[in-house]
């Protein structure tokens, strides 16, 4: 299991990188638009901060332009890159041409059949938008569960995005997701629980240690 930061805010990436348990950063066009820097400058900064994978989502829509954008992004980011390629007919075709040379993920999957094609095309990851799928389809966890079942043993792993709370994060993992990408606020929320705080406050008030 791997946890990623889902953000293109450089300051958030700097803080998250110090947590010690974040394995990379995922971005998308909407997140890049929120950065104060240009997409190119943002990705360069993130690449310097992130020790693991850095995801970039293609915005071109036809095969030749997508191929050119993929090569430009790979040159910009280097070996850390994972391309996020839309789950479209053209996107799947692109994955089949690139997956041997560049790690690819297929993003925006809303049907397990798309996960099957992603696996056959050689994608490293199949990405489900959990909360969004629940809003649009009625059950994002069911989508994750079915995706996990159909790609089992293929080498393609399920990366879950659009996860809005610690409870949804845990439910998504229980449904079969291999990895999660989470907003900064959710990553922070996963580290705290009121009862934990209360328990250790009591220990410290009533007990003694070697320093205090």
N, C-alpha and C. Protein backbone atom coordinates (compact mmCIF):
# COMPACT_ATOMS: atom_id res chain seq x y z
N UNK A 1 0.84 -1.19 0.00
CA UNK A 1 0.00 0.00 0.00
C UNK A 1 0.87 1.24 0.00
N UNK A 2 0.47 2.23 -0.81
CA UNK A 2 1.19 3.48 -0.90
C UNK A 2 0.19 4.62 -0.74
N UNK A 3 0.60 5.67 -0.03
CA UNK A 3 -0.19 6.88 0.10
C UNK A 3 0.50 8.00 -0.65
N UNK A 4 -0.28 8.71 -1.47
CA UNK A 4 0.21 9.86 -2.22
C UNK A 4 -0.50 11.13 -1.76
N UNK A 5 0.18 12.25 -1.94
CA UNK A 5 -0.46 13.55 -1.81
C UNK A 5 -1.07 13.92 -3.14
N UNK A 6 -2.34 14.29 -3.12
CA UNK A 6 -3.04 14.72 -4.34
C UNK A 6 -3.09 16.25 -4.33
N UNK A 7 -2.08 16.87 -4.91
CA UNK A 7 -1.96 18.33 -4.85
C UNK A 7 -0.88 18.79 -5.80
N UNK A 8 -1.01 20.04 -6.25
CA UNK A 8 0.06 20.68 -7.01
C UNK A 8 0.55 21.94 -6.30
N UNK A 9 0.20 22.06 -5.02
CA UNK A 9 0.66 23.19 -4.22
C UNK A 9 2.02 22.84 -3.63
N UNK A 10 3.02 23.59 -4.02
CA UNK A 10 4.40 23.27 -3.65
C UNK A 10 4.58 23.28 -2.14
N UNK A 11 3.97 24.24 -1.45
CA UNK A 11 4.13 24.31 0.00
C UNK A 11 3.54 23.07 0.68
N UNK A 12 2.42 22.56 0.17
CA UNK A 12 1.85 21.34 0.73
C UNK A 12 2.78 20.15 0.50
N UNK A 13 3.37 20.08 -0.68
CA UNK A 13 4.28 18.98 -0.98
C UNK A 13 5.51 19.03 -0.08
N UNK A 14 6.01 20.21 0.22
CA UNK A 14 7.17 20.32 1.10
C UNK A 14 6.84 19.79 2.49
N UNK A 15 5.69 20.19 3.01
CA UNK A 15 5.30 19.72 4.34
C UNK A 15 5.06 18.22 4.33
N UNK A 16 4.32 17.73 3.33
CA UNK A 16 4.00 16.31 3.25
C UNK A 16 5.25 15.45 3.10
N UNK A 17 6.24 15.96 2.40
CA UNK A 17 7.47 15.19 2.20
C UNK A 17 8.20 14.94 3.51
N UNK A 18 7.94 15.79 4.51
CA UNK A 18 8.58 15.63 5.81
C UNK A 18 7.83 14.67 6.71
N UNK A 19 6.63 14.27 6.31
CA UNK A 19 5.87 13.32 7.12
C UNK A 19 6.63 11.99 7.26
N UNK A 20 7.28 11.59 6.17
CA UNK A 20 8.02 10.34 6.18
C UNK A 20 7.23 9.13 5.72
N UNK A 21 5.95 9.32 5.43
CA UNK A 21 5.12 8.18 5.01
C UNK A 21 4.32 8.47 3.74
N UNK A 22 4.68 9.53 3.04
CA UNK A 22 4.07 9.86 1.74
C UNK A 22 5.02 9.44 0.64
N UNK A 23 4.53 8.66 -0.32
CA UNK A 23 5.41 8.06 -1.32
C UNK A 23 5.47 8.79 -2.65
N UNK A 24 4.69 9.84 -2.82
CA UNK A 24 4.71 10.56 -4.08
C UNK A 24 3.61 11.59 -4.14
N UNK A 25 3.47 12.21 -5.30
CA UNK A 25 2.48 13.27 -5.51
C UNK A 25 1.74 13.02 -6.81
N UNK A 26 0.43 13.15 -6.77
CA UNK A 26 -0.38 13.08 -7.98
C UNK A 26 -0.91 14.47 -8.29
N UNK A 27 -0.90 14.81 -9.57
CA UNK A 27 -1.47 16.08 -10.00
C UNK A 27 -2.48 15.83 -11.12
N UNK A 28 -3.26 16.84 -11.42
CA UNK A 28 -4.14 16.82 -12.58
C UNK A 28 -4.26 18.26 -13.07
N UNK A 29 -4.88 18.50 -14.22
CA UNK A 29 -4.95 19.86 -14.75
C UNK A 29 -5.62 20.86 -13.81
N UNK A 30 -6.66 20.43 -13.09
CA UNK A 30 -7.34 21.33 -12.16
C UNK A 30 -6.43 21.71 -11.00
N UNK A 31 -5.69 20.73 -10.49
CA UNK A 31 -4.77 21.02 -9.40
C UNK A 31 -3.62 21.92 -9.85
N UNK A 32 -3.10 21.67 -11.04
CA UNK A 32 -2.03 22.52 -11.56
C UNK A 32 -2.50 23.96 -11.76
N UNK A 33 -3.77 24.13 -12.10
CA UNK A 33 -4.32 25.47 -12.29
C UNK A 33 -4.39 26.25 -10.98
N UNK A 34 -4.36 25.56 -9.85
CA UNK A 34 -4.41 26.22 -8.55
C UNK A 34 -3.05 26.67 -8.06
N UNK A 35 -2.00 26.23 -8.75
CA UNK A 35 -0.65 26.61 -8.35
C UNK A 35 -0.36 28.06 -8.75
N UNK A 36 0.44 28.74 -7.94
CA UNK A 36 0.86 30.10 -8.27
C UNK A 36 1.90 30.12 -9.39
N UNK A 37 2.48 28.96 -9.66
CA UNK A 37 3.51 28.85 -10.69
C UNK A 37 2.91 28.29 -11.97
N UNK A 38 3.65 28.37 -13.06
CA UNK A 38 3.22 27.74 -14.30
C UNK A 38 3.25 26.23 -14.12
N UNK A 39 2.52 25.47 -14.95
CA UNK A 39 2.58 24.01 -14.83
C UNK A 39 4.01 23.47 -14.91
N UNK A 40 4.80 24.02 -15.83
CA UNK A 40 6.17 23.54 -15.97
C UNK A 40 6.99 23.81 -14.71
N UNK A 41 6.89 25.03 -14.19
CA UNK A 41 7.64 25.38 -12.98
C UNK A 41 7.16 24.58 -11.78
N UNK A 42 5.85 24.37 -11.71
CA UNK A 42 5.28 23.59 -10.60
C UNK A 42 5.83 22.17 -10.62
N UNK A 43 5.81 21.54 -11.78
CA UNK A 43 6.28 20.17 -11.90
C UNK A 43 7.78 20.06 -11.59
N UNK A 44 8.55 21.04 -12.01
CA UNK A 44 9.98 21.03 -11.70
C UNK A 44 10.20 21.11 -10.20
N UNK A 45 9.47 22.00 -9.53
CA UNK A 45 9.58 22.14 -8.07
C UNK A 45 9.17 20.85 -7.38
N UNK A 46 8.04 20.29 -7.80
CA UNK A 46 7.56 19.05 -7.18
C UNK A 46 8.56 17.91 -7.38
N UNK A 47 9.16 17.86 -8.55
CA UNK A 47 10.13 16.80 -8.85
C UNK A 47 11.34 16.88 -7.93
N UNK A 48 11.72 18.09 -7.55
CA UNK A 48 12.85 18.26 -6.64
C UNK A 48 12.48 17.89 -5.21
N UNK A 49 11.20 18.06 -4.86
CA UNK A 49 10.74 17.78 -3.50
C UNK A 49 10.44 16.31 -3.30
N UNK A 50 9.79 15.71 -4.30
CA UNK A 50 9.28 14.35 -4.17
C UNK A 50 10.39 13.33 -4.39
N UNK A 51 10.48 12.36 -3.50
CA UNK A 51 11.48 11.31 -3.68
C UNK A 51 10.91 10.14 -4.49
N UNK A 52 9.58 10.01 -4.52
CA UNK A 52 8.95 8.91 -5.24
C UNK A 52 8.31 9.37 -6.54
N UNK A 53 7.19 8.76 -6.87
CA UNK A 53 6.54 9.02 -8.15
C UNK A 53 5.84 10.38 -8.19
N UNK A 54 5.85 10.98 -9.37
CA UNK A 54 5.15 12.24 -9.62
C UNK A 54 4.27 12.04 -10.85
N UNK A 55 2.97 12.23 -10.68
CA UNK A 55 1.99 11.95 -11.73
C UNK A 55 1.65 13.23 -12.50
N UNK A 56 1.60 13.09 -13.82
CA UNK A 56 1.18 14.18 -14.69
C UNK A 56 0.09 13.68 -15.62
N UNK A 57 -1.02 14.43 -15.71
CA UNK A 57 -2.16 14.03 -16.55
C UNK A 57 -2.14 14.77 -17.88
N UNK A 58 -2.24 14.02 -18.95
CA UNK A 58 -2.25 14.60 -20.28
C UNK A 58 -3.53 15.40 -20.51
N UNK A 59 -3.40 16.48 -21.25
CA UNK A 59 -4.56 17.31 -21.60
C UNK A 59 -4.88 17.27 -23.08
N UNK A 60 -3.93 16.82 -23.91
CA UNK A 60 -4.20 16.69 -25.34
C UNK A 60 -5.24 15.60 -25.56
N UNK A 61 -5.90 15.65 -26.72
CA UNK A 61 -7.01 14.71 -26.95
C UNK A 61 -6.83 13.80 -28.17
N UNK A 62 -5.92 14.14 -29.08
CA UNK A 62 -5.70 13.23 -30.21
C UNK A 62 -4.35 12.52 -30.03
N UNK A 63 -4.20 11.41 -30.70
CA UNK A 63 -3.07 10.52 -30.44
C UNK A 63 -1.72 11.21 -30.60
N UNK A 64 -1.51 11.89 -31.71
CA UNK A 64 -0.20 12.50 -31.96
C UNK A 64 0.13 13.57 -30.93
N UNK A 65 -0.85 14.39 -30.60
CA UNK A 65 -0.62 15.44 -29.60
C UNK A 65 -0.41 14.85 -28.21
N UNK A 66 -1.13 13.79 -27.89
CA UNK A 66 -0.93 13.12 -26.60
C UNK A 66 0.46 12.52 -26.52
N UNK A 67 0.92 11.92 -27.61
CA UNK A 67 2.26 11.34 -27.63
C UNK A 67 3.32 12.43 -27.43
N UNK A 68 3.14 13.56 -28.10
CA UNK A 68 4.10 14.66 -27.96
C UNK A 68 4.09 15.22 -26.54
N UNK A 69 2.90 15.36 -25.96
CA UNK A 69 2.81 15.87 -24.59
C UNK A 69 3.42 14.88 -23.60
N UNK A 70 3.20 13.60 -23.82
CA UNK A 70 3.77 12.58 -22.94
C UNK A 70 5.30 12.64 -22.96
N UNK A 71 5.87 12.78 -24.15
CA UNK A 71 7.33 12.85 -24.25
C UNK A 71 7.87 14.12 -23.61
N UNK A 72 7.14 15.23 -23.77
CA UNK A 72 7.57 16.49 -23.15
C UNK A 72 7.51 16.39 -21.63
N UNK A 73 6.46 15.78 -21.12
CA UNK A 73 6.33 15.64 -19.67
C UNK A 73 7.41 14.71 -19.11
N UNK A 74 7.71 13.65 -19.83
CA UNK A 74 8.74 12.72 -19.40
C UNK A 74 10.11 13.39 -19.36
N UNK A 75 10.38 14.22 -20.35
CA UNK A 75 11.64 14.95 -20.39
C UNK A 75 11.72 15.94 -19.23
N UNK A 76 10.60 16.57 -18.90
CA UNK A 76 10.56 17.58 -17.85
C UNK A 76 10.74 16.96 -16.47
N UNK A 77 10.05 15.85 -16.21
CA UNK A 77 10.02 15.25 -14.88
C UNK A 77 11.09 14.20 -14.69
N UNK A 78 11.38 13.45 -15.73
CA UNK A 78 12.40 12.42 -15.64
C UNK A 78 11.85 11.08 -15.15
N UNK A 79 12.69 10.29 -14.52
CA UNK A 79 12.35 8.90 -14.20
C UNK A 79 11.25 8.77 -13.16
N UNK A 80 10.93 9.83 -12.44
CA UNK A 80 9.89 9.78 -11.41
C UNK A 80 8.48 9.80 -11.99
N UNK A 81 8.37 10.10 -13.27
CA UNK A 81 7.06 10.35 -13.86
C UNK A 81 6.18 9.11 -13.92
N UNK A 82 4.90 9.31 -13.63
CA UNK A 82 3.85 8.38 -14.01
C UNK A 82 2.84 9.19 -14.81
N UNK A 83 2.62 8.81 -16.04
CA UNK A 83 1.64 9.51 -16.86
C UNK A 83 0.23 9.11 -16.45
N UNK A 84 -0.65 10.09 -16.33
CA UNK A 84 -2.07 9.82 -16.14
C UNK A 84 -2.74 10.02 -17.50
N UNK A 85 -3.23 8.94 -18.05
CA UNK A 85 -3.79 8.96 -19.39
C UNK A 85 -5.29 8.70 -19.29
N UNK A 86 -6.11 9.56 -19.90
CA UNK A 86 -7.56 9.42 -19.78
C UNK A 86 -8.07 8.08 -20.30
N UNK A 87 -9.10 7.57 -19.64
CA UNK A 87 -9.72 6.30 -20.03
C UNK A 87 -10.64 6.51 -21.21
N UNK A 88 -10.02 6.71 -22.37
CA UNK A 88 -10.73 6.86 -23.63
C UNK A 88 -10.13 5.88 -24.63
N UNK A 89 -10.79 5.69 -25.74
CA UNK A 89 -10.26 4.78 -26.75
C UNK A 89 -8.86 5.20 -27.19
N UNK A 90 -8.67 6.49 -27.40
CA UNK A 90 -7.35 6.99 -27.79
C UNK A 90 -6.36 6.84 -26.66
N UNK A 91 -6.83 7.07 -25.44
CA UNK A 91 -5.96 6.93 -24.28
C UNK A 91 -5.43 5.52 -24.13
N UNK A 92 -6.30 4.54 -24.27
CA UNK A 92 -5.86 3.15 -24.17
C UNK A 92 -4.85 2.80 -25.26
N UNK A 93 -5.07 3.33 -26.46
CA UNK A 93 -4.13 3.11 -27.55
C UNK A 93 -2.76 3.68 -27.19
N UNK A 94 -2.77 4.87 -26.60
CA UNK A 94 -1.51 5.51 -26.22
C UNK A 94 -0.78 4.69 -25.16
N UNK A 95 -1.52 4.19 -24.17
CA UNK A 95 -0.90 3.37 -23.13
C UNK A 95 -0.18 2.17 -23.75
N UNK A 96 -0.82 1.54 -24.71
CA UNK A 96 -0.22 0.35 -25.33
C UNK A 96 1.08 0.68 -26.05
N UNK A 97 1.22 1.95 -26.50
CA UNK A 97 2.44 2.35 -27.19
C UNK A 97 3.53 2.85 -26.23
N UNK A 98 3.14 3.30 -25.04
CA UNK A 98 4.09 3.94 -24.14
C UNK A 98 4.49 3.11 -22.94
N UNK A 99 3.66 2.15 -22.56
CA UNK A 99 3.81 1.51 -21.26
C UNK A 99 5.12 0.75 -21.08
N UNK A 100 5.76 0.34 -22.15
CA UNK A 100 7.04 -0.36 -22.01
C UNK A 100 8.18 0.59 -21.68
N UNK A 101 8.00 1.87 -21.98
CA UNK A 101 9.06 2.86 -21.77
C UNK A 101 8.78 3.83 -20.63
N UNK A 102 7.50 4.12 -20.39
CA UNK A 102 7.12 5.09 -19.36
C UNK A 102 6.01 4.47 -18.52
N UNK A 103 6.10 4.61 -17.20
CA UNK A 103 5.02 4.12 -16.34
C UNK A 103 3.75 4.89 -16.63
N UNK A 104 2.67 4.16 -16.87
CA UNK A 104 1.40 4.78 -17.24
C UNK A 104 0.30 4.37 -16.26
N UNK A 105 -0.60 5.31 -16.01
CA UNK A 105 -1.82 5.01 -15.29
C UNK A 105 -2.98 5.44 -16.17
N UNK A 106 -4.08 4.73 -16.05
CA UNK A 106 -5.29 5.12 -16.76
C UNK A 106 -6.24 5.74 -15.75
N UNK A 107 -6.64 6.97 -15.99
CA UNK A 107 -7.40 7.72 -15.02
C UNK A 107 -8.83 7.98 -15.49
N UNK A 108 -9.72 8.16 -14.52
CA UNK A 108 -11.13 8.43 -14.84
C UNK A 108 -11.89 7.19 -15.25
N UNK A 109 -11.58 6.06 -14.62
CA UNK A 109 -12.28 4.81 -14.93
C UNK A 109 -13.60 4.76 -14.17
N UNK A 110 -14.68 4.45 -14.90
CA UNK A 110 -16.01 4.37 -14.28
C UNK A 110 -16.68 3.02 -14.54
N UNK A 111 -15.96 2.09 -15.16
CA UNK A 111 -16.53 0.76 -15.40
C UNK A 111 -15.39 -0.25 -15.32
N UNK A 112 -15.60 -1.40 -14.68
CA UNK A 112 -14.52 -2.38 -14.57
C UNK A 112 -13.99 -2.87 -15.90
N UNK A 113 -14.80 -2.82 -16.96
CA UNK A 113 -14.31 -3.21 -18.28
C UNK A 113 -13.15 -2.33 -18.71
N UNK A 114 -13.19 -1.06 -18.34
CA UNK A 114 -12.09 -0.16 -18.66
C UNK A 114 -10.81 -0.57 -17.93
N UNK A 115 -10.96 -1.09 -16.72
CA UNK A 115 -9.80 -1.57 -15.98
C UNK A 115 -9.18 -2.78 -16.66
N UNK A 116 -10.01 -3.62 -17.24
CA UNK A 116 -9.52 -4.78 -18.00
C UNK A 116 -8.66 -4.32 -19.17
N UNK A 117 -9.17 -3.33 -19.91
CA UNK A 117 -8.43 -2.82 -21.06
C UNK A 117 -7.14 -2.14 -20.61
N UNK A 118 -7.20 -1.40 -19.51
CA UNK A 118 -6.00 -0.76 -18.97
C UNK A 118 -4.92 -1.79 -18.67
N UNK A 119 -5.32 -2.89 -18.06
CA UNK A 119 -4.36 -3.95 -17.74
C UNK A 119 -3.78 -4.57 -19.00
N UNK A 120 -4.63 -4.84 -19.97
CA UNK A 120 -4.16 -5.44 -21.23
C UNK A 120 -3.24 -4.51 -22.00
N UNK A 121 -3.46 -3.20 -21.85
CA UNK A 121 -2.62 -2.22 -22.54
C UNK A 121 -1.29 -2.01 -21.83
N UNK A 122 -1.16 -2.52 -20.61
CA UNK A 122 0.11 -2.43 -19.90
C UNK A 122 0.19 -1.35 -18.85
N UNK A 123 -0.95 -0.81 -18.43
CA UNK A 123 -0.94 0.25 -17.42
C UNK A 123 -0.43 -0.27 -16.09
N UNK A 124 0.36 0.52 -15.41
CA UNK A 124 0.84 0.16 -14.08
C UNK A 124 -0.27 0.35 -13.05
N UNK A 125 -1.10 1.38 -13.27
CA UNK A 125 -2.18 1.69 -12.34
C UNK A 125 -3.48 1.94 -13.10
N UNK A 126 -4.59 1.57 -12.47
CA UNK A 126 -5.92 1.94 -12.94
C UNK A 126 -6.53 2.80 -11.85
N UNK A 127 -6.97 4.00 -12.22
CA UNK A 127 -7.40 4.98 -11.23
C UNK A 127 -8.91 5.12 -11.23
N UNK A 128 -9.47 4.98 -10.03
CA UNK A 128 -10.91 5.18 -9.82
C UNK A 128 -11.13 6.43 -8.99
N UNK A 129 -12.13 7.23 -9.36
CA UNK A 129 -12.52 8.40 -8.58
C UNK A 129 -13.67 7.98 -7.66
N UNK A 130 -13.35 7.66 -6.44
CA UNK A 130 -14.30 6.99 -5.56
C UNK A 130 -15.50 7.86 -5.22
N UNK A 131 -15.25 9.02 -4.65
CA UNK A 131 -16.37 9.87 -4.24
C UNK A 131 -17.18 10.34 -5.44
N UNK A 132 -16.49 10.70 -6.50
CA UNK A 132 -17.18 11.14 -7.71
C UNK A 132 -18.01 10.01 -8.31
N UNK A 133 -17.47 8.78 -8.29
CA UNK A 133 -18.22 7.64 -8.81
C UNK A 133 -19.46 7.37 -7.96
N UNK A 134 -19.35 7.59 -6.67
CA UNK A 134 -20.53 7.42 -5.81
C UNK A 134 -21.60 8.44 -6.19
N UNK A 135 -21.18 9.67 -6.45
CA UNK A 135 -22.15 10.71 -6.82
C UNK A 135 -22.78 10.43 -8.19
N UNK A 136 -21.97 9.93 -9.12
CA UNK A 136 -22.45 9.75 -10.49
C UNK A 136 -23.09 8.38 -10.75
N UNK A 137 -22.55 7.36 -10.07
CA UNK A 137 -23.00 5.99 -10.33
C UNK A 137 -23.77 5.38 -9.16
N UNK A 138 -23.60 5.95 -7.99
CA UNK A 138 -24.31 5.46 -6.82
C UNK A 138 -23.47 4.69 -5.83
N UNK A 139 -22.31 4.12 -6.28
CA UNK A 139 -21.50 3.30 -5.37
C UNK A 139 -20.07 3.22 -5.88
N UNK A 140 -19.24 4.16 -5.42
CA UNK A 140 -17.84 4.17 -5.83
C UNK A 140 -17.06 3.00 -5.27
N UNK A 141 -17.44 2.52 -4.09
CA UNK A 141 -16.75 1.38 -3.50
C UNK A 141 -16.99 0.10 -4.29
N UNK A 142 -18.19 -0.05 -4.83
CA UNK A 142 -18.49 -1.20 -5.68
C UNK A 142 -17.61 -1.18 -6.92
N UNK A 143 -17.42 0.01 -7.49
CA UNK A 143 -16.54 0.14 -8.65
C UNK A 143 -15.13 -0.32 -8.30
N UNK A 144 -14.61 0.14 -7.18
CA UNK A 144 -13.27 -0.26 -6.76
C UNK A 144 -13.18 -1.77 -6.57
N UNK A 145 -14.18 -2.32 -5.93
CA UNK A 145 -14.21 -3.76 -5.66
C UNK A 145 -14.19 -4.57 -6.96
N UNK A 146 -14.99 -4.16 -7.92
CA UNK A 146 -15.05 -4.89 -9.19
C UNK A 146 -13.78 -4.70 -10.00
N UNK A 147 -13.22 -3.50 -9.97
CA UNK A 147 -11.95 -3.26 -10.66
C UNK A 147 -10.85 -4.14 -10.09
N UNK A 148 -10.79 -4.21 -8.76
CA UNK A 148 -9.76 -5.03 -8.12
C UNK A 148 -9.90 -6.49 -8.50
N UNK A 149 -11.12 -6.96 -8.60
CA UNK A 149 -11.35 -8.36 -8.94
C UNK A 149 -10.93 -8.68 -10.37
N UNK A 150 -11.25 -7.79 -11.31
CA UNK A 150 -10.98 -8.12 -12.71
C UNK A 150 -9.51 -7.97 -13.10
N UNK A 151 -8.74 -7.16 -12.34
CA UNK A 151 -7.33 -7.00 -12.69
C UNK A 151 -6.43 -7.85 -11.80
N UNK A 152 -7.00 -8.61 -10.90
CA UNK A 152 -6.20 -9.44 -9.99
C UNK A 152 -5.26 -10.35 -10.77
N UNK A 153 -3.99 -10.30 -10.40
CA UNK A 153 -2.99 -11.13 -11.05
C UNK A 153 -2.43 -10.57 -12.34
N UNK A 154 -2.90 -9.40 -12.76
CA UNK A 154 -2.47 -8.85 -14.04
C UNK A 154 -1.21 -8.01 -13.94
N UNK A 155 -0.89 -7.56 -12.73
CA UNK A 155 0.23 -6.62 -12.57
C UNK A 155 -0.22 -5.19 -12.52
N UNK A 156 -1.47 -4.91 -12.89
CA UNK A 156 -2.03 -3.56 -12.80
C UNK A 156 -2.66 -3.39 -11.42
N UNK A 157 -2.35 -2.27 -10.76
CA UNK A 157 -2.83 -2.03 -9.41
C UNK A 157 -3.87 -0.91 -9.41
N UNK A 158 -4.73 -0.94 -8.39
CA UNK A 158 -5.79 0.05 -8.28
C UNK A 158 -5.33 1.22 -7.41
N UNK A 159 -5.36 2.40 -7.99
CA UNK A 159 -5.08 3.64 -7.27
C UNK A 159 -6.40 4.40 -7.14
N UNK A 160 -6.79 4.69 -5.92
CA UNK A 160 -8.06 5.37 -5.68
C UNK A 160 -7.83 6.85 -5.42
N UNK A 161 -8.58 7.68 -6.13
CA UNK A 161 -8.55 9.12 -5.95
C UNK A 161 -9.95 9.59 -5.58
N UNK A 162 -10.11 10.90 -5.43
CA UNK A 162 -11.40 11.48 -5.03
C UNK A 162 -11.90 10.80 -3.76
N UNK A 163 -11.04 10.83 -2.75
CA UNK A 163 -11.35 10.28 -1.43
C UNK A 163 -11.39 11.45 -0.45
N UNK A 164 -12.51 11.62 0.23
CA UNK A 164 -12.78 12.87 0.93
C UNK A 164 -12.67 12.82 2.44
N UNK A 165 -12.40 11.65 3.02
CA UNK A 165 -12.34 11.56 4.47
C UNK A 165 -11.54 10.32 4.87
N UNK A 166 -11.05 10.27 6.12
CA UNK A 166 -10.38 9.07 6.59
C UNK A 166 -11.27 7.83 6.53
N UNK A 167 -12.55 7.98 6.86
CA UNK A 167 -13.48 6.84 6.79
C UNK A 167 -13.58 6.31 5.37
N UNK A 168 -13.68 7.22 4.39
CA UNK A 168 -13.78 6.80 3.00
C UNK A 168 -12.47 6.17 2.53
N UNK A 169 -11.35 6.66 3.06
CA UNK A 169 -10.04 6.10 2.72
C UNK A 169 -9.96 4.64 3.16
N UNK A 170 -10.36 4.37 4.39
CA UNK A 170 -10.31 3.01 4.92
C UNK A 170 -11.27 2.11 4.15
N UNK A 171 -12.48 2.60 3.90
CA UNK A 171 -13.47 1.80 3.17
C UNK A 171 -12.97 1.47 1.77
N UNK A 172 -12.25 2.39 1.16
CA UNK A 172 -11.71 2.17 -0.18
C UNK A 172 -10.64 1.08 -0.18
N UNK A 173 -9.78 1.10 0.82
CA UNK A 173 -8.77 0.05 0.93
C UNK A 173 -9.42 -1.31 1.20
N UNK A 174 -10.44 -1.33 2.04
CA UNK A 174 -11.15 -2.58 2.32
C UNK A 174 -11.86 -3.11 1.08
N UNK A 175 -12.23 -2.19 0.17
CA UNK A 175 -12.89 -2.61 -1.07
C UNK A 175 -11.92 -3.19 -2.08
N UNK A 176 -10.61 -3.02 -1.84
CA UNK A 176 -9.64 -3.64 -2.72
C UNK A 176 -8.63 -2.72 -3.38
N UNK A 177 -8.68 -1.42 -3.08
CA UNK A 177 -7.69 -0.51 -3.66
C UNK A 177 -6.31 -0.84 -3.12
N UNK A 178 -5.30 -0.75 -3.98
CA UNK A 178 -3.93 -0.98 -3.55
C UNK A 178 -3.29 0.26 -2.96
N UNK A 179 -3.67 1.43 -3.51
CA UNK A 179 -3.04 2.68 -3.12
C UNK A 179 -4.10 3.78 -3.07
N UNK A 180 -3.77 4.85 -2.33
CA UNK A 180 -4.66 6.01 -2.22
C UNK A 180 -3.89 7.28 -2.52
N UNK A 181 -4.55 8.22 -3.19
CA UNK A 181 -4.02 9.57 -3.29
C UNK A 181 -5.03 10.49 -2.64
N UNK A 182 -4.55 11.33 -1.73
CA UNK A 182 -5.45 12.06 -0.85
C UNK A 182 -5.06 13.54 -0.77
N UNK A 183 -6.05 14.41 -0.63
CA UNK A 183 -5.75 15.83 -0.40
C UNK A 183 -4.97 16.01 0.90
N UNK A 184 -4.26 17.10 0.99
CA UNK A 184 -3.44 17.38 2.17
C UNK A 184 -4.26 17.33 3.45
N UNK A 185 -5.46 17.89 3.41
CA UNK A 185 -6.30 17.93 4.61
C UNK A 185 -6.69 16.53 5.09
N UNK A 186 -6.95 15.62 4.16
CA UNK A 186 -7.32 14.26 4.54
C UNK A 186 -6.11 13.51 5.09
N UNK A 187 -4.95 13.71 4.49
CA UNK A 187 -3.74 13.09 5.02
C UNK A 187 -3.51 13.52 6.47
N UNK A 188 -3.69 14.81 6.73
CA UNK A 188 -3.53 15.29 8.09
C UNK A 188 -4.57 14.68 9.02
N UNK A 189 -5.81 14.61 8.54
CA UNK A 189 -6.90 14.10 9.38
C UNK A 189 -6.70 12.64 9.74
N UNK A 190 -6.01 11.89 8.90
CA UNK A 190 -5.79 10.47 9.17
C UNK A 190 -4.84 10.24 10.34
N UNK A 191 -4.09 11.25 10.73
CA UNK A 191 -3.12 11.08 11.81
C UNK A 191 -3.70 11.38 13.19
N UNK A 192 -4.88 11.95 13.25
CA UNK A 192 -5.41 12.39 14.54
C UNK A 192 -6.75 11.74 14.85
N UNK A 193 -6.94 11.48 16.12
CA UNK A 193 -8.22 10.95 16.62
C UNK A 193 -8.36 11.43 18.06
N UNK A 194 -9.53 11.93 18.39
CA UNK A 194 -9.74 12.55 19.69
C UNK A 194 -9.39 11.61 20.85
N UNK A 195 -9.77 10.35 20.73
CA UNK A 195 -9.49 9.40 21.81
C UNK A 195 -8.00 9.15 21.98
N UNK A 196 -7.26 9.16 20.87
CA UNK A 196 -5.81 9.02 20.96
C UNK A 196 -5.20 10.19 21.72
N UNK A 197 -5.65 11.39 21.36
CA UNK A 197 -5.14 12.58 22.05
C UNK A 197 -5.45 12.52 23.54
N UNK A 198 -6.66 12.12 23.87
CA UNK A 198 -7.09 12.04 25.26
C UNK A 198 -6.29 10.99 26.03
N UNK A 199 -6.08 9.84 25.40
CA UNK A 199 -5.35 8.76 26.05
C UNK A 199 -3.95 9.16 26.43
N UNK A 200 -3.22 9.80 25.50
CA UNK A 200 -1.83 10.14 25.77
C UNK A 200 -1.70 11.36 26.66
N UNK A 201 -2.73 12.19 26.67
CA UNK A 201 -2.75 13.30 27.64
C UNK A 201 -2.83 12.73 29.05
N UNK A 202 -3.66 11.69 29.25
CA UNK A 202 -3.78 11.06 30.55
C UNK A 202 -2.48 10.38 30.97
N UNK A 203 -1.83 9.68 30.02
CA UNK A 203 -0.54 9.06 30.33
C UNK A 203 0.46 10.11 30.82
N UNK A 204 0.51 11.23 30.11
CA UNK A 204 1.50 12.25 30.43
C UNK A 204 1.19 12.96 31.74
N UNK A 205 -0.09 13.10 32.05
CA UNK A 205 -0.47 13.76 33.29
C UNK A 205 -0.20 12.88 34.51
N UNK A 206 -0.34 11.57 34.36
CA UNK A 206 -0.24 10.66 35.50
C UNK A 206 1.08 9.89 35.56
N UNK A 207 1.83 9.92 34.47
CA UNK A 207 3.03 9.09 34.41
C UNK A 207 4.32 9.87 34.36
N UNK A 208 5.42 9.15 34.21
CA UNK A 208 6.75 9.75 34.15
C UNK A 208 7.55 9.08 33.04
N UNK A 209 8.48 9.83 32.44
CA UNK A 209 9.38 9.28 31.44
C UNK A 209 10.80 9.67 31.73
N UNK A 210 11.75 9.36 30.86
CA UNK A 210 13.16 9.64 31.15
C UNK A 210 13.51 11.11 30.98
N UNK A 211 12.66 11.87 30.26
CA UNK A 211 12.94 13.29 30.04
C UNK A 211 12.05 14.19 30.87
N UNK A 212 10.79 13.76 31.06
CA UNK A 212 9.84 14.63 31.76
C UNK A 212 9.05 13.85 32.78
